N, C-alpha and C. Protein backbone atom coordinates (compact mmCIF):
# COMPACT_ATOMS: atom_id res chain seq x y z
N MET A 1 64.71 152.57 85.60
CA MET A 1 63.76 152.34 86.67
C MET A 1 62.34 152.64 86.20
N GLN A 2 62.14 153.71 85.46
CA GLN A 2 60.82 154.07 84.96
C GLN A 2 60.27 153.00 84.03
N ILE A 3 61.12 152.43 83.19
CA ILE A 3 60.68 151.39 82.27
C ILE A 3 60.19 150.18 83.05
N LEU A 4 60.91 149.80 84.09
CA LEU A 4 60.51 148.68 84.92
C LEU A 4 59.13 148.92 85.54
N ALA A 5 58.92 150.11 86.04
CA ALA A 5 57.62 150.44 86.64
C ALA A 5 56.50 150.31 85.61
N GLU A 6 56.75 150.76 84.38
CA GLU A 6 55.74 150.64 83.34
C GLU A 6 55.47 149.18 83.00
N ASP A 7 56.53 148.35 82.94
CA ASP A 7 56.36 146.94 82.65
C ASP A 7 55.56 146.26 83.75
N ASN A 8 55.85 146.58 85.00
CA ASN A 8 55.13 145.98 86.11
C ASN A 8 53.66 146.38 86.12
N ALA A 9 53.36 147.55 85.59
CA ALA A 9 51.99 148.05 85.61
C ALA A 9 51.12 147.37 84.56
N MET A 10 51.72 146.56 83.69
CA MET A 10 50.97 145.90 82.63
C MET A 10 50.23 144.68 83.18
N VAL A 11 49.16 144.94 83.86
CA VAL A 11 48.34 143.88 84.43
C VAL A 11 47.14 143.71 83.51
N SER A 12 47.19 142.67 82.71
CA SER A 12 46.09 142.43 81.77
C SER A 12 45.20 141.29 82.27
N ASP A 13 44.01 141.24 81.71
CA ASP A 13 43.10 140.13 82.02
C ASP A 13 43.78 138.80 81.70
N GLU A 14 44.53 138.76 80.61
CA GLU A 14 45.15 137.50 80.20
C GLU A 14 46.21 137.04 81.19
N VAL A 15 46.96 137.96 81.75
CA VAL A 15 47.95 137.58 82.77
C VAL A 15 47.23 137.04 84.01
N VAL A 16 46.17 137.69 84.42
CA VAL A 16 45.39 137.21 85.57
C VAL A 16 44.81 135.83 85.25
N ARG A 17 44.31 135.64 84.04
CA ARG A 17 43.77 134.34 83.65
C ARG A 17 44.86 133.26 83.65
N ASP A 18 46.05 133.60 83.19
CA ASP A 18 47.16 132.64 83.20
C ASP A 18 47.47 132.19 84.63
N ILE A 19 47.45 133.13 85.55
CA ILE A 19 47.71 132.80 86.96
C ILE A 19 46.56 131.94 87.51
N LEU A 20 45.33 132.28 87.15
CA LEU A 20 44.18 131.48 87.60
C LEU A 20 44.23 130.06 87.05
N ARG A 21 44.79 129.88 85.85
CA ARG A 21 44.89 128.54 85.26
C ARG A 21 45.76 127.62 86.12
N GLN A 22 46.63 128.18 86.92
CA GLN A 22 47.49 127.39 87.80
C GLN A 22 46.72 126.85 89.00
N ASN A 23 45.54 127.39 89.25
CA ASN A 23 44.72 126.96 90.38
C ASN A 23 43.84 125.79 89.94
N GLU A 24 43.97 124.68 90.63
CA GLU A 24 43.27 123.47 90.23
C GLU A 24 41.76 123.66 90.10
N ALA A 25 41.16 124.35 91.04
CA ALA A 25 39.71 124.55 91.02
C ALA A 25 39.26 125.45 89.88
N MET A 26 40.13 126.30 89.40
CA MET A 26 39.75 127.28 88.37
C MET A 26 40.25 126.93 86.98
N SER A 27 41.21 126.04 86.86
CA SER A 27 41.91 125.82 85.59
C SER A 27 40.99 125.51 84.41
N ASN A 28 39.96 124.71 84.64
CA ASN A 28 39.06 124.34 83.54
C ASN A 28 38.00 125.40 83.25
N LEU A 29 37.85 126.38 84.12
CA LEU A 29 36.81 127.39 83.97
C LEU A 29 37.31 128.72 83.42
N VAL A 30 38.60 128.93 83.46
CA VAL A 30 39.16 130.25 83.19
C VAL A 30 38.69 130.84 81.87
N ASP A 31 38.68 130.02 80.82
CA ASP A 31 38.33 130.55 79.50
C ASP A 31 36.86 130.91 79.36
N THR A 32 36.02 130.46 80.29
CA THR A 32 34.60 130.76 80.22
C THR A 32 34.21 131.92 81.14
N LEU A 33 35.15 132.41 81.92
CA LEU A 33 34.84 133.47 82.90
C LEU A 33 34.79 134.84 82.26
N GLY A 34 33.78 135.62 82.63
CA GLY A 34 33.75 137.02 82.29
C GLY A 34 34.57 137.78 83.32
N GLU A 35 34.97 138.97 83.00
CA GLU A 35 35.86 139.70 83.93
C GLU A 35 35.16 140.11 85.22
N ASP A 36 33.83 140.05 85.24
CA ASP A 36 33.09 140.40 86.45
C ASP A 36 32.41 139.20 87.12
N ASP A 37 32.70 138.00 86.65
CA ASP A 37 32.15 136.80 87.30
C ASP A 37 32.78 136.64 88.68
N ASP A 38 31.98 136.27 89.65
CA ASP A 38 32.46 136.05 91.01
C ASP A 38 33.24 134.74 91.06
N LEU A 39 34.54 134.84 91.30
CA LEU A 39 35.41 133.66 91.29
C LEU A 39 35.08 132.71 92.42
N PHE A 40 34.61 133.23 93.55
CA PHE A 40 34.25 132.36 94.67
C PHE A 40 32.98 131.56 94.36
N GLU A 41 32.05 132.16 93.62
CA GLU A 41 30.86 131.42 93.18
C GLU A 41 31.23 130.34 92.17
N LYS A 42 32.33 130.55 91.45
CA LYS A 42 32.77 129.60 90.43
C LYS A 42 33.70 128.52 90.98
N GLY A 43 34.05 128.59 92.27
CA GLY A 43 34.83 127.50 92.85
C GLY A 43 36.11 127.90 93.56
N LEU A 44 36.50 129.16 93.49
CA LEU A 44 37.70 129.58 94.22
C LEU A 44 37.41 129.52 95.71
N ASP A 45 38.32 128.90 96.46
CA ASP A 45 38.15 128.82 97.91
C ASP A 45 39.26 129.61 98.60
N SER A 46 39.26 129.60 99.93
CA SER A 46 40.23 130.42 100.66
C SER A 46 41.65 129.97 100.39
N PHE A 47 41.89 128.66 100.29
CA PHE A 47 43.23 128.17 99.98
C PHE A 47 43.65 128.63 98.59
N GLY A 48 42.73 128.53 97.64
CA GLY A 48 43.02 128.98 96.28
C GLY A 48 43.28 130.47 96.21
N SER A 49 42.58 131.25 97.03
CA SER A 49 42.80 132.70 97.00
C SER A 49 44.18 133.05 97.57
N VAL A 50 44.64 132.26 98.54
CA VAL A 50 46.00 132.48 99.06
C VAL A 50 47.03 132.13 97.99
N GLN A 51 46.82 131.03 97.29
CA GLN A 51 47.71 130.66 96.19
C GLN A 51 47.72 131.75 95.12
N LEU A 52 46.55 132.26 94.81
CA LEU A 52 46.42 133.32 93.82
C LEU A 52 47.19 134.56 94.27
N MET A 53 47.01 134.96 95.52
CA MET A 53 47.71 136.12 96.05
C MET A 53 49.23 135.94 95.94
N LEU A 54 49.72 134.79 96.34
CA LEU A 54 51.16 134.53 96.29
C LEU A 54 51.69 134.57 94.86
N ALA A 55 50.93 134.00 93.92
CA ALA A 55 51.34 134.01 92.52
C ALA A 55 51.35 135.44 91.96
N LEU A 56 50.37 136.24 92.33
CA LEU A 56 50.32 137.64 91.89
C LEU A 56 51.49 138.43 92.47
N GLU A 57 51.77 138.21 93.75
CA GLU A 57 52.89 138.91 94.39
C GLU A 57 54.21 138.56 93.70
N GLU A 58 54.38 137.29 93.39
CA GLU A 58 55.62 136.87 92.72
C GLU A 58 55.71 137.43 91.31
N ARG A 59 54.64 137.32 90.55
CA ARG A 59 54.64 137.76 89.15
C ARG A 59 54.87 139.27 89.01
N PHE A 60 54.26 140.05 89.91
CA PHE A 60 54.32 141.50 89.78
C PHE A 60 55.25 142.17 90.80
N ASN A 61 55.92 141.36 91.62
CA ASN A 61 56.86 141.89 92.61
C ASN A 61 56.20 142.94 93.49
N VAL A 62 55.05 142.57 94.03
CA VAL A 62 54.30 143.43 94.94
C VAL A 62 53.98 142.64 96.21
N GLU A 63 53.50 143.35 97.21
CA GLU A 63 53.03 142.71 98.43
C GLU A 63 51.67 143.28 98.78
N PHE A 64 50.71 142.39 98.99
CA PHE A 64 49.38 142.84 99.36
C PHE A 64 49.38 143.29 100.82
N PRO A 65 49.01 144.53 101.08
CA PRO A 65 48.92 144.99 102.47
C PRO A 65 47.72 144.33 103.16
N ASP A 66 47.75 144.33 104.47
CA ASP A 66 46.66 143.72 105.24
C ASP A 66 45.29 144.26 104.83
N SER A 67 45.23 145.53 104.47
CA SER A 67 43.95 146.15 104.12
C SER A 67 43.33 145.53 102.86
N LEU A 68 44.15 144.84 102.05
CA LEU A 68 43.63 144.22 100.82
C LEU A 68 43.49 142.71 100.94
N LEU A 69 43.77 142.18 102.10
CA LEU A 69 43.65 140.73 102.30
C LEU A 69 42.21 140.39 102.70
N ASN A 70 41.35 140.47 101.71
CA ASN A 70 39.94 140.19 101.92
C ASN A 70 39.35 139.54 100.67
N ARG A 71 38.19 138.99 100.83
CA ARG A 71 37.53 138.27 99.74
C ARG A 71 37.31 139.16 98.51
N ARG A 72 36.95 140.40 98.74
CA ARG A 72 36.65 141.30 97.63
C ARG A 72 37.86 141.49 96.70
N SER A 73 39.06 141.59 97.26
CA SER A 73 40.27 141.83 96.45
C SER A 73 40.51 140.74 95.42
N PHE A 74 39.96 139.55 95.63
CA PHE A 74 40.20 138.42 94.74
C PHE A 74 38.91 137.88 94.14
N SER A 75 37.87 138.70 94.14
CA SER A 75 36.54 138.20 93.76
C SER A 75 36.28 138.14 92.26
N THR A 76 36.90 139.01 91.47
CA THR A 76 36.69 138.99 90.02
C THR A 76 38.00 139.29 89.31
N ILE A 77 38.06 138.93 88.06
CA ILE A 77 39.25 139.23 87.26
C ILE A 77 39.46 140.74 87.20
N ARG A 78 38.39 141.50 87.02
CA ARG A 78 38.52 142.96 86.93
C ARG A 78 39.09 143.54 88.24
N ILE A 79 38.56 143.10 89.37
CA ILE A 79 39.03 143.64 90.65
C ILE A 79 40.48 143.23 90.90
N ILE A 80 40.83 142.00 90.56
CA ILE A 80 42.23 141.57 90.71
C ILE A 80 43.13 142.46 89.87
N ARG A 81 42.76 142.67 88.61
CA ARG A 81 43.56 143.51 87.71
C ARG A 81 43.71 144.91 88.27
N GLU A 82 42.61 145.51 88.73
CA GLU A 82 42.67 146.87 89.25
C GLU A 82 43.48 146.95 90.55
N THR A 83 43.33 145.95 91.41
CA THR A 83 44.06 145.93 92.68
C THR A 83 45.56 145.80 92.43
N VAL A 84 45.95 144.86 91.58
CA VAL A 84 47.37 144.66 91.32
C VAL A 84 47.96 145.87 90.59
N THR A 85 47.18 146.45 89.69
CA THR A 85 47.66 147.66 89.00
C THR A 85 47.92 148.76 90.02
N SER A 86 47.03 148.94 90.98
CA SER A 86 47.24 149.99 91.99
C SER A 86 48.48 149.69 92.83
N LEU A 87 48.72 148.41 93.11
CA LEU A 87 49.92 148.06 93.88
C LEU A 87 51.20 148.31 93.07
N THR A 88 51.17 148.01 91.79
CA THR A 88 52.37 148.22 90.98
C THR A 88 52.66 149.70 90.79
N LEU A 89 51.63 150.50 90.86
CA LEU A 89 51.82 151.94 90.71
C LEU A 89 52.06 152.63 92.05
N GLY A 90 52.03 151.83 93.12
CA GLY A 90 52.29 152.38 94.46
C GLY A 90 51.16 153.21 95.03
N GLU A 91 49.94 153.00 94.49
CA GLU A 91 48.81 153.81 94.96
C GLU A 91 48.11 153.19 96.16
N ALA A 92 48.23 151.88 96.35
CA ALA A 92 47.55 151.24 97.47
C ALA A 92 48.35 151.43 98.75
N ALA A 93 47.63 151.60 99.84
CA ALA A 93 48.34 151.79 101.11
C ALA A 93 48.06 150.64 102.04
């Protein structure tokens, strides 16, 4: 069980980028994005953010609580990585 938790906690920029590549609006931009670039300014919309959330939940076997269902949680690669890491470690409430 401990090994599984450690594996789930491995949220890297590259994994987030791979998930973003699945989003039509972001697929061609992913390789040019810095980890702090605002994804919504680069073309991510509300539908895309829902797709992103669902893909992250599936990939990392987590569920985003209502408190994290906001624009900020999906605004940058860094924030996505930190948010999902906190969920995999059970720190988010």
